[in-house]
Amino acid sequence: MVAKGRFYIVKEEIMPDIFKKTIKAKELLKSGKAKTVNEATEAVGMSRSAYYKYKDYIFPFYEASMGKIVTISFVLEHMPGVLSSILDEIAKARGNILTINQNIPVQNMANVTISFETGNLNKNVEELLAIINKKDCVHKLEIIAQE
């Protein structure tokens, strides 16, 4: 991975196909489903040269966030136990919570920001956020920072 440069978070649906194929090829190699770069690139339908061009610059969000601090922002319903259930999910995933900021609820909704360390997570950040986002009480979830 290149140490200098700027990073962006881009939703998968707008990424060029070659980027998606690069990620898929890397996943095949990492999982052992493909033993060589040639096998992986053939399986996803891309050239080896394109793979080598992009492999050090494209990676899933969870790889970039491991061992880092992630800050997420929520809009939550103002009900007993809502914030506690989110904190429980982060704790179950072995995230280390650093800060919690909650505003006073307005129209029965509260803005909450949580920062947590991801170094000891037992699942990737994307999986954790998907679990949290499925809760009925969560109306909006955004990643606002990653250090």
N, C-alpha and C. Protein backbone atom coordinates (compact mmCIF):
# COMPACT_ATOMS: atom_id res chain seq x y z
N MET A 1 0.85 -1.18 0.00
CA MET A 1 0.00 0.00 0.00
C MET A 1 0.89 1.23 0.00
N VAL A 2 0.50 2.25 -0.71
CA VAL A 2 1.23 3.49 -0.81
C VAL A 2 0.99 4.32 0.44
N ALA A 3 2.05 4.84 1.04
CA ALA A 3 1.92 5.57 2.29
C ALA A 3 1.44 7.00 2.09
N LYS A 4 1.72 7.59 0.95
CA LYS A 4 1.32 8.97 0.73
C LYS A 4 0.12 9.02 -0.19
N GLY A 5 -0.56 10.13 -0.19
CA GLY A 5 -1.72 10.29 -1.05
C GLY A 5 -2.98 10.45 -0.25
N ARG A 6 -4.05 10.74 -0.93
CA ARG A 6 -5.34 10.93 -0.29
C ARG A 6 -6.18 9.69 -0.47
N PHE A 7 -7.05 9.46 0.48
CA PHE A 7 -7.94 8.30 0.44
C PHE A 7 -9.38 8.77 0.33
N TYR A 8 -10.19 7.96 -0.33
CA TYR A 8 -11.60 8.26 -0.51
C TYR A 8 -12.41 7.01 -0.21
N ILE A 9 -13.58 7.21 0.30
CA ILE A 9 -14.52 6.10 0.46
C ILE A 9 -15.55 6.28 -0.65
N VAL A 10 -15.68 5.26 -1.49
CA VAL A 10 -16.57 5.32 -2.64
C VAL A 10 -17.52 4.14 -2.55
N LYS A 11 -18.81 4.39 -2.73
CA LYS A 11 -19.78 3.29 -2.72
C LYS A 11 -19.55 2.39 -3.93
N GLU A 12 -19.72 1.09 -3.67
CA GLU A 12 -19.44 0.08 -4.69
C GLU A 12 -20.24 0.28 -5.98
N GLU A 13 -21.47 0.72 -5.86
CA GLU A 13 -22.31 0.81 -7.06
C GLU A 13 -21.82 1.82 -8.10
N ILE A 14 -20.95 2.74 -7.71
CA ILE A 14 -20.45 3.69 -8.72
C ILE A 14 -19.00 3.42 -9.13
N MET A 15 -18.41 2.39 -8.54
CA MET A 15 -17.02 2.05 -8.87
C MET A 15 -16.94 1.43 -10.26
N PRO A 16 -15.88 1.73 -11.00
CA PRO A 16 -15.68 1.05 -12.28
C PRO A 16 -15.52 -0.46 -12.07
N ASP A 17 -15.95 -1.24 -13.04
CA ASP A 17 -15.89 -2.70 -12.92
C ASP A 17 -14.48 -3.22 -12.65
N ILE A 18 -13.48 -2.59 -13.22
CA ILE A 18 -12.12 -3.07 -13.04
C ILE A 18 -11.69 -2.99 -11.57
N PHE A 19 -12.18 -1.99 -10.85
CA PHE A 19 -11.88 -1.90 -9.41
C PHE A 19 -12.55 -3.04 -8.67
N LYS A 20 -13.81 -3.32 -9.00
CA LYS A 20 -14.53 -4.42 -8.35
C LYS A 20 -13.85 -5.76 -8.63
N LYS A 21 -13.40 -5.94 -9.86
CA LYS A 21 -12.72 -7.17 -10.22
C LYS A 21 -11.39 -7.32 -9.48
N THR A 22 -10.69 -6.21 -9.30
CA THR A 22 -9.43 -6.25 -8.55
C THR A 22 -9.67 -6.69 -7.12
N ILE A 23 -10.69 -6.13 -6.49
CA ILE A 23 -11.02 -6.52 -5.11
C ILE A 23 -11.40 -7.99 -5.05
N LYS A 24 -12.22 -8.43 -5.99
CA LYS A 24 -12.65 -9.84 -6.01
C LYS A 24 -11.45 -10.77 -6.20
N ALA A 25 -10.53 -10.40 -7.09
CA ALA A 25 -9.34 -11.23 -7.32
C ALA A 25 -8.50 -11.30 -6.04
N LYS A 26 -8.34 -10.19 -5.35
CA LYS A 26 -7.59 -10.19 -4.10
C LYS A 26 -8.27 -11.08 -3.06
N GLU A 27 -9.60 -11.05 -3.01
CA GLU A 27 -10.34 -11.90 -2.06
C GLU A 27 -10.16 -13.38 -2.39
N LEU A 28 -10.17 -13.72 -3.69
CA LEU A 28 -9.96 -15.11 -4.09
C LEU A 28 -8.58 -15.60 -3.67
N LEU A 29 -7.58 -14.75 -3.84
CA LEU A 29 -6.22 -15.12 -3.44
C LEU A 29 -6.10 -15.25 -1.92
N LYS A 30 -6.69 -14.30 -1.21
CA LYS A 30 -6.60 -14.31 0.25
C LYS A 30 -7.31 -15.53 0.85
N SER A 31 -8.44 -15.90 0.27
CA SER A 31 -9.21 -17.03 0.79
C SER A 31 -8.64 -18.38 0.37
N GLY A 32 -7.75 -18.38 -0.61
CA GLY A 32 -7.18 -19.63 -1.11
C GLY A 32 -8.00 -20.27 -2.21
N LYS A 33 -9.11 -19.64 -2.60
CA LYS A 33 -9.93 -20.18 -3.69
C LYS A 33 -9.20 -20.10 -5.03
N ALA A 34 -8.26 -19.18 -5.12
CA ALA A 34 -7.36 -19.10 -6.28
C ALA A 34 -5.95 -19.19 -5.72
N LYS A 35 -5.14 -20.05 -6.33
CA LYS A 35 -3.79 -20.24 -5.82
C LYS A 35 -2.78 -19.30 -6.46
N THR A 36 -3.08 -18.81 -7.63
CA THR A 36 -2.15 -17.91 -8.32
C THR A 36 -2.90 -16.66 -8.81
N VAL A 37 -2.13 -15.63 -9.10
CA VAL A 37 -2.72 -14.40 -9.65
C VAL A 37 -3.39 -14.72 -10.97
N ASN A 38 -2.78 -15.58 -11.76
CA ASN A 38 -3.36 -15.95 -13.05
C ASN A 38 -4.73 -16.59 -12.87
N GLU A 39 -4.87 -17.51 -11.91
CA GLU A 39 -6.18 -18.14 -11.63
C GLU A 39 -7.21 -17.10 -11.20
N ALA A 40 -6.80 -16.22 -10.31
CA ALA A 40 -7.72 -15.21 -9.77
C ALA A 40 -8.19 -14.25 -10.86
N THR A 41 -7.27 -13.79 -11.69
CA THR A 41 -7.64 -12.82 -12.73
C THR A 41 -8.51 -13.48 -13.80
N GLU A 42 -8.23 -14.73 -14.12
CA GLU A 42 -9.09 -15.44 -15.08
C GLU A 42 -10.50 -15.62 -14.51
N ALA A 43 -10.58 -15.95 -13.25
CA ALA A 43 -11.88 -16.19 -12.60
C ALA A 43 -12.77 -14.95 -12.60
N VAL A 44 -12.17 -13.78 -12.47
CA VAL A 44 -12.96 -12.55 -12.42
C VAL A 44 -13.04 -11.83 -13.76
N GLY A 45 -12.29 -12.31 -14.76
CA GLY A 45 -12.36 -11.73 -16.10
C GLY A 45 -11.59 -10.43 -16.26
N MET A 46 -10.37 -10.42 -15.78
CA MET A 46 -9.53 -9.23 -15.95
C MET A 46 -8.12 -9.68 -16.34
N SER A 47 -7.34 -8.76 -16.85
CA SER A 47 -5.97 -9.09 -17.23
C SER A 47 -5.07 -9.01 -16.01
N ARG A 48 -3.96 -9.75 -16.08
CA ARG A 48 -2.98 -9.71 -14.99
C ARG A 48 -2.37 -8.32 -14.87
N SER A 49 -2.15 -7.68 -16.00
CA SER A 49 -1.52 -6.35 -15.96
C SER A 49 -2.43 -5.34 -15.25
N ALA A 50 -3.73 -5.43 -15.47
CA ALA A 50 -4.67 -4.54 -14.77
C ALA A 50 -4.66 -4.85 -13.28
N TYR A 51 -4.61 -6.13 -12.93
CA TYR A 51 -4.56 -6.51 -11.52
C TYR A 51 -3.34 -5.88 -10.85
N TYR A 52 -2.17 -6.05 -11.47
CA TYR A 52 -0.94 -5.51 -10.88
C TYR A 52 -0.95 -3.97 -10.85
N LYS A 53 -1.63 -3.37 -11.79
CA LYS A 53 -1.72 -1.91 -11.83
C LYS A 53 -2.50 -1.38 -10.62
N TYR A 54 -3.58 -2.06 -10.22
CA TYR A 54 -4.48 -1.55 -9.19
C TYR A 54 -4.37 -2.22 -7.82
N LYS A 55 -3.75 -3.37 -7.72
CA LYS A 55 -3.82 -4.18 -6.49
C LYS A 55 -3.33 -3.46 -5.24
N ASP A 56 -2.36 -2.58 -5.36
CA ASP A 56 -1.83 -1.88 -4.19
C ASP A 56 -2.57 -0.59 -3.87
N TYR A 57 -3.60 -0.28 -4.64
CA TYR A 57 -4.31 0.99 -4.47
C TYR A 57 -5.78 0.81 -4.14
N ILE A 58 -6.29 -0.40 -4.29
CA ILE A 58 -7.72 -0.65 -4.08
C ILE A 58 -7.87 -1.75 -3.03
N PHE A 59 -8.70 -1.48 -2.02
CA PHE A 59 -8.93 -2.48 -1.00
C PHE A 59 -10.25 -2.18 -0.33
N PRO A 60 -10.90 -3.21 0.22
CA PRO A 60 -12.17 -3.00 0.90
C PRO A 60 -12.00 -2.10 2.11
N PHE A 61 -13.05 -1.42 2.48
CA PHE A 61 -13.02 -0.50 3.61
C PHE A 61 -12.52 -1.18 4.87
N TYR A 62 -12.97 -2.41 5.12
CA TYR A 62 -12.59 -3.07 6.37
C TYR A 62 -11.09 -3.28 6.48
N GLU A 63 -10.38 -3.48 5.35
CA GLU A 63 -8.92 -3.63 5.40
C GLU A 63 -8.25 -2.32 5.79
N ALA A 64 -8.80 -1.23 5.30
CA ALA A 64 -8.22 0.08 5.61
C ALA A 64 -8.51 0.51 7.03
N SER A 65 -9.57 -0.03 7.61
CA SER A 65 -9.98 0.43 8.93
C SER A 65 -9.46 -0.43 10.08
N MET A 66 -8.86 -1.58 9.79
CA MET A 66 -8.36 -2.43 10.86
C MET A 66 -7.21 -1.75 11.58
N GLY A 67 -7.25 -1.79 12.91
CA GLY A 67 -6.20 -1.19 13.71
C GLY A 67 -6.26 0.32 13.74
N LYS A 68 -7.39 0.86 13.41
CA LYS A 68 -7.56 2.31 13.32
C LYS A 68 -8.67 2.76 14.26
N ILE A 69 -8.94 4.05 14.20
CA ILE A 69 -10.06 4.62 14.93
C ILE A 69 -11.12 5.01 13.90
N VAL A 70 -12.33 4.54 14.10
CA VAL A 70 -13.45 4.85 13.22
C VAL A 70 -14.45 5.68 14.02
N THR A 71 -14.95 6.73 13.39
CA THR A 71 -15.98 7.56 14.02
C THR A 71 -17.25 7.44 13.19
N ILE A 72 -18.34 7.07 13.86
CA ILE A 72 -19.62 6.91 13.17
C ILE A 72 -20.64 7.84 13.80
N SER A 73 -21.55 8.28 12.96
CA SER A 73 -22.62 9.19 13.39
C SER A 73 -23.95 8.51 13.15
N PHE A 74 -24.86 8.66 14.10
CA PHE A 74 -26.19 8.05 14.02
C PHE A 74 -27.27 9.09 14.25
N VAL A 75 -28.45 8.80 13.73
CA VAL A 75 -29.68 9.44 14.19
C VAL A 75 -30.49 8.29 14.76
N LEU A 76 -30.77 8.39 16.06
CA LEU A 76 -31.44 7.30 16.78
C LEU A 76 -32.75 7.76 17.36
N GLU A 77 -33.70 6.83 17.45
CA GLU A 77 -34.95 7.11 18.15
C GLU A 77 -34.64 7.29 19.64
N HIS A 78 -35.37 8.20 20.25
CA HIS A 78 -35.19 8.45 21.68
C HIS A 78 -36.05 7.47 22.46
N MET A 79 -35.44 6.32 22.77
CA MET A 79 -36.12 5.26 23.52
C MET A 79 -35.12 4.63 24.48
N PRO A 80 -35.57 4.14 25.62
CA PRO A 80 -34.66 3.50 26.56
C PRO A 80 -33.96 2.29 25.93
N GLY A 81 -32.65 2.19 26.15
CA GLY A 81 -31.89 1.03 25.70
C GLY A 81 -31.35 1.07 24.29
N VAL A 82 -31.72 2.10 23.51
CA VAL A 82 -31.29 2.15 22.11
C VAL A 82 -29.78 2.29 22.01
N LEU A 83 -29.24 3.29 22.67
CA LEU A 83 -27.79 3.50 22.62
C LEU A 83 -27.05 2.32 23.25
N SER A 84 -27.59 1.79 24.32
CA SER A 84 -26.98 0.63 24.98
C SER A 84 -26.88 -0.56 24.04
N SER A 85 -27.90 -0.79 23.21
CA SER A 85 -27.88 -1.93 22.29
C SER A 85 -26.79 -1.76 21.23
N ILE A 86 -26.55 -0.53 20.82
CA ILE A 86 -25.48 -0.26 19.84
C ILE A 86 -24.12 -0.46 20.48
N LEU A 87 -23.97 0.04 21.70
CA LEU A 87 -22.71 -0.14 22.43
C LEU A 87 -22.44 -1.63 22.67
N ASP A 88 -23.50 -2.39 22.94
CA ASP A 88 -23.35 -3.84 23.12
C ASP A 88 -22.83 -4.51 21.85
N GLU A 89 -23.33 -4.09 20.68
CA GLU A 89 -22.87 -4.68 19.41
C GLU A 89 -21.38 -4.39 19.19
N ILE A 90 -20.97 -3.17 19.48
CA ILE A 90 -19.56 -2.81 19.33
C ILE A 90 -18.71 -3.62 20.32
N ALA A 91 -19.19 -3.77 21.54
CA ALA A 91 -18.47 -4.55 22.54
C ALA A 91 -18.39 -6.03 22.14
N LYS A 92 -19.49 -6.60 21.63
CA LYS A 92 -19.48 -8.00 21.19
C LYS A 92 -18.46 -8.23 20.08
N ALA A 93 -18.27 -7.21 19.24
CA ALA A 93 -17.30 -7.30 18.14
C ALA A 93 -15.88 -6.99 18.61
N ARG A 94 -15.73 -6.68 19.90
CA ARG A 94 -14.46 -6.37 20.53
C ARG A 94 -13.89 -5.02 20.10
N GLY A 95 -14.79 -4.09 19.77
CA GLY A 95 -14.37 -2.71 19.51
C GLY A 95 -14.14 -2.00 20.83
N ASN A 96 -13.16 -1.13 20.85
CA ASN A 96 -12.83 -0.39 22.07
C ASN A 96 -13.34 1.04 21.91
N ILE A 97 -14.41 1.37 22.62
CA ILE A 97 -15.04 2.68 22.48
C ILE A 97 -14.19 3.74 23.15
N LEU A 98 -13.93 4.82 22.41
CA LEU A 98 -13.11 5.92 22.91
C LEU A 98 -13.95 7.11 23.34
N THR A 99 -14.94 7.49 22.53
CA THR A 99 -15.81 8.62 22.88
C THR A 99 -17.23 8.34 22.45
N ILE A 100 -18.16 8.93 23.21
CA ILE A 100 -19.58 8.91 22.87
C ILE A 100 -20.10 10.33 23.08
N ASN A 101 -20.69 10.88 22.06
CA ASN A 101 -21.31 12.20 22.16
C ASN A 101 -22.76 12.07 21.73
N GLN A 102 -23.68 12.49 22.60
CA GLN A 102 -25.11 12.42 22.28
C GLN A 102 -25.73 13.79 22.52
N ASN A 103 -26.46 14.27 21.53
CA ASN A 103 -27.18 15.53 21.67
C ASN A 103 -28.54 15.27 22.33
N ILE A 104 -29.12 16.33 22.85
CA ILE A 104 -30.46 16.25 23.43
C ILE A 104 -31.44 15.90 22.31
N PRO A 105 -32.34 14.93 22.54
CA PRO A 105 -33.29 14.54 21.50
C PRO A 105 -34.20 15.71 21.09
N VAL A 106 -34.43 15.80 19.80
CA VAL A 106 -35.35 16.78 19.23
C VAL A 106 -36.33 16.00 18.37
N GLN A 107 -37.61 16.21 18.58
CA GLN A 107 -38.68 15.50 17.88
C GLN A 107 -38.47 13.98 17.97
N ASN A 108 -38.10 13.54 19.17
CA ASN A 108 -37.93 12.12 19.49
C ASN A 108 -36.77 11.45 18.76
N MET A 109 -35.82 12.24 18.24
CA MET A 109 -34.64 11.71 17.57
C MET A 109 -33.40 12.34 18.19
N ALA A 110 -32.33 11.56 18.33
CA ALA A 110 -31.09 12.04 18.91
C ALA A 110 -29.92 11.78 17.97
N ASN A 111 -29.04 12.75 17.87
CA ASN A 111 -27.80 12.58 17.10
C ASN A 111 -26.73 12.05 18.05
N VAL A 112 -26.06 10.99 17.63
CA VAL A 112 -25.03 10.36 18.45
C VAL A 112 -23.80 10.14 17.58
N THR A 113 -22.63 10.41 18.17
CA THR A 113 -21.36 10.14 17.50
C THR A 113 -20.54 9.23 18.42
N ILE A 114 -20.01 8.16 17.85
CA ILE A 114 -19.19 7.21 18.60
C ILE A 114 -17.87 7.01 17.86
N SER A 115 -16.77 7.10 18.59
CA SER A 115 -15.45 6.76 18.04
C SER A 115 -14.97 5.50 18.75
N PHE A 116 -14.44 4.56 17.96
CA PHE A 116 -13.94 3.33 18.57
C PHE A 116 -12.74 2.79 17.81
N GLU A 117 -11.90 2.05 18.54
CA GLU A 117 -10.73 1.41 17.94
C GLU A 117 -11.14 0.08 17.32
N THR A 118 -10.52 -0.25 16.19
CA THR A 118 -10.88 -1.45 15.46
C THR A 118 -9.81 -2.54 15.50
N GLY A 119 -8.73 -2.31 16.22
CA GLY A 119 -7.60 -3.24 16.21
C GLY A 119 -7.91 -4.65 16.66
N ASN A 120 -8.85 -4.84 17.57
CA ASN A 120 -9.16 -6.17 18.09
C ASN A 120 -10.49 -6.71 17.61
N LEU A 121 -11.08 -6.09 16.58
CA LEU A 121 -12.39 -6.55 16.11
C LEU A 121 -12.34 -8.00 15.67
N ASN A 122 -13.40 -8.73 15.99
CA ASN A 122 -13.49 -10.13 15.56
C ASN A 122 -14.34 -10.27 14.30
N LYS A 123 -14.72 -9.14 13.71
CA LYS A 123 -15.41 -9.10 12.41
C LYS A 123 -14.99 -7.80 11.75
N ASN A 124 -15.22 -7.67 10.46
CA ASN A 124 -14.79 -6.43 9.82
C ASN A 124 -15.80 -5.30 10.11
N VAL A 125 -15.34 -4.09 9.94
CA VAL A 125 -16.15 -2.91 10.27
C VAL A 125 -17.45 -2.89 9.46
N GLU A 126 -17.39 -3.28 8.19
CA GLU A 126 -18.59 -3.29 7.37
C GLU A 126 -19.66 -4.21 7.96
N GLU A 127 -19.27 -5.39 8.41
CA GLU A 127 -20.22 -6.33 9.01
C GLU A 127 -20.83 -5.74 10.28
N LEU A 128 -19.99 -5.15 11.12
CA LEU A 128 -20.47 -4.55 12.36
C LEU A 128 -21.47 -3.44 12.07
N LEU A 129 -21.15 -2.55 11.14
CA LEU A 129 -22.05 -1.45 10.82
C LEU A 129 -23.34 -1.94 10.19
N ALA A 130 -23.29 -3.00 9.42
CA ALA A 130 -24.51 -3.56 8.83
C ALA A 130 -25.43 -4.10 9.93
N ILE A 131 -24.87 -4.75 10.94
CA ILE A 131 -25.67 -5.26 12.06
C ILE A 131 -26.33 -4.10 12.80
N ILE A 132 -25.56 -3.05 13.05
CA ILE A 132 -26.10 -1.89 13.76
C ILE A 132 -27.17 -1.20 12.93
N ASN A 133 -26.92 -1.05 11.64
CA ASN A 133 -27.85 -0.33 10.76
C ASN A 133 -29.18 -1.04 10.61
N LYS A 134 -29.22 -2.36 10.84
CA LYS A 134 -30.46 -3.13 10.72
C LYS A 134 -31.41 -2.91 11.90
N LYS A 135 -30.92 -2.33 12.96
CA LYS A 135 -31.77 -2.10 14.13
C LYS A 135 -32.85 -1.08 13.78
N ASP A 136 -34.07 -1.36 14.22
CA ASP A 136 -35.21 -0.50 13.92
C ASP A 136 -35.03 0.93 14.43
N CYS A 137 -34.30 1.08 15.50
CA CYS A 137 -34.14 2.39 16.14
C CYS A 137 -33.12 3.27 15.44
N VAL A 138 -32.33 2.71 14.51
CA VAL A 138 -31.31 3.47 13.80
C VAL A 138 -31.92 4.02 12.50
N HIS A 139 -31.96 5.34 12.39
CA HIS A 139 -32.56 5.96 11.21
C HIS A 139 -31.53 6.46 10.22
N LYS A 140 -30.31 6.65 10.67
CA LYS A 140 -29.25 7.09 9.78
C LYS A 140 -27.94 6.68 10.40
N LEU A 141 -27.03 6.15 9.59
CA LEU A 141 -25.71 5.77 10.06
C LEU A 141 -24.71 6.20 9.00
N GLU A 142 -23.68 6.92 9.43
CA GLU A 142 -22.63 7.37 8.51
C GLU A 142 -21.28 7.21 9.15
N ILE A 143 -20.30 6.84 8.35
CA ILE A 143 -18.91 6.86 8.79
C ILE A 143 -18.43 8.28 8.53
N ILE A 144 -18.02 8.98 9.57
CA ILE A 144 -17.61 10.37 9.36
C ILE A 144 -16.11 10.57 9.45
N ALA A 145 -15.39 9.60 9.98
CA ALA A 145 -13.93 9.72 10.03
C ALA A 145 -13.30 8.36 10.25
N GLN A 146 -12.05 8.28 9.80
CA GLN A 146 -11.24 7.09 10.01
C GLN A 146 -9.81 7.58 10.14
N GLU A 147 -9.15 7.21 11.21
CA GLU A 147 -7.76 7.64 11.41
C GLU A 147 -6.86 6.43 11.42
